[in-house]
Amino acid sequence: MTRSTPSPRRVVFQYLVPVHVEVDDGLVTRVTISDETPVHDPVIVDGDPAYLDEAVRAADDGQSWPSWQFGY
């Protein structure tokens, strides 16, 4: 008997957080994101919208975030 592996639930969402930007002589030298901000009014970017509530709880549970990505 073959077992199927369920596909992982995945959702990408965005929300506004405070960002401090330092500019020296016209160049951005540092960007600091205040990550203790609770998730508020998340917006789905990609993935399963039914998973949004659970994903927000996971993002807001105090776990350390794996990395920050700046730019595209």
Protein backbone atom coordinates (compact mmCIF):
# COMPACT_ATOMS: atom_id res chain seq x y z
CA MET A 1 0.00 0.00 0.00
CA THR A 2 1.38 3.38 -0.97
CA ARG A 3 1.04 6.22 1.49
CA SER A 4 0.60 9.70 0.19
CA THR A 5 2.36 12.54 1.94
CA PRO A 6 0.06 15.47 2.55
CA SER A 7 1.23 18.71 1.04
CA PRO A 8 2.48 21.21 3.61
CA ARG A 9 0.20 24.05 4.53
CA ARG A 10 1.86 27.27 3.47
CA VAL A 11 0.82 30.86 3.61
CA VAL A 12 2.69 34.12 3.05
CA PHE A 13 1.28 37.23 4.68
CA GLN A 14 2.35 40.77 5.31
CA TYR A 15 1.60 43.40 7.93
CA LEU A 16 2.96 46.78 8.93
CA VAL A 17 5.72 47.01 11.54
CA PRO A 18 7.81 49.93 12.79
CA VAL A 19 10.98 50.35 10.75
CA HIS A 20 13.87 52.63 11.67
CA VAL A 21 15.97 53.71 8.69
CA GLU A 22 19.34 55.43 9.09
CA VAL A 23 20.61 57.50 6.17
CA ASP A 24 24.13 58.96 6.08
CA ASP A 25 25.07 61.34 3.28
CA GLY A 26 22.24 60.08 1.06
CA LEU A 27 22.94 56.35 1.59
CA VAL A 28 20.85 53.98 3.67
CA THR A 29 23.30 52.56 6.20
CA ARG A 30 21.03 50.58 8.50
CA VAL A 31 17.46 49.29 8.61
CA THR A 32 16.11 48.04 11.93
CA ILE A 33 12.77 46.27 12.17
CA SER A 34 11.00 46.18 15.53
CA ASP A 35 9.99 42.52 15.52
CA GLU A 36 8.15 42.57 18.85
CA THR A 37 5.21 44.26 17.14
CA PRO A 38 2.16 41.97 17.29
CA VAL A 39 0.73 40.92 13.94
CA HIS A 40 -2.15 43.26 13.14
CA ASP A 41 -4.35 43.23 10.02
CA PRO A 42 -2.37 40.61 8.06
CA VAL A 43 -2.86 40.49 4.30
CA ILE A 44 -2.50 37.27 2.29
CA VAL A 45 0.27 37.44 -0.32
CA ASP A 46 0.41 33.77 -1.34
CA GLY A 47 -0.75 30.37 -0.18
CA ASP A 48 -3.77 28.92 1.59
CA PRO A 49 -6.02 31.62 3.11
CA ALA A 50 -7.62 29.01 5.38
CA TYR A 51 -4.24 28.65 7.12
CA LEU A 52 -3.84 32.39 7.84
CA ASP A 53 -5.12 32.41 11.44
CA GLU A 54 -2.89 29.50 12.45
CA ALA A 55 0.10 31.03 10.63
CA VAL A 56 -0.38 34.36 12.43
CA ARG A 57 -0.51 32.57 15.80
CA ALA A 58 2.74 30.76 14.92
CA ALA A 59 4.42 34.03 13.87
CA ASP A 60 3.26 35.76 17.04
CA ASP A 61 4.19 33.04 19.57
CA GLY A 62 7.57 34.41 20.63
CA GLN A 63 9.76 32.10 18.55
CA SER A 64 12.87 33.67 17.13
CA TRP A 65 12.61 34.46 13.45
CA PRO A 66 15.07 32.61 11.20
CA SER A 67 16.28 35.59 9.17
CA TRP A 68 15.46 38.95 7.68
CA GLN A 69 15.37 39.47 3.95
CA PHE A 70 15.72 42.97 2.54
CA GLY A 71 14.89 43.84 -1.03
CA TYR A 72 13.62 41.66 -3.82
